């Protein structure tokens, strides 16, 4: 997942993506604890994807807040 794809998504889709990623990370952690995780790199990928989604959401919050402050 790259940031260009994320910036084209709306907030509802980003929040759904974030929830899906948290669920996937939860499942991967359980697999790791049970010794059944075939690809340990996937944990790192999911963590980075979560960070990307959160970054896009936060940047939108800041730009929306900046526009409201300028309108006053």
Foldseek 3Di string as FASTA:
>chain_A
DDLVVLLVDDPVVLVVVLVVLVVVLVVQVVCVVVVNRPDPVVNVVSVVVNVSSVVSVVVVVVVVVVVVVVVD
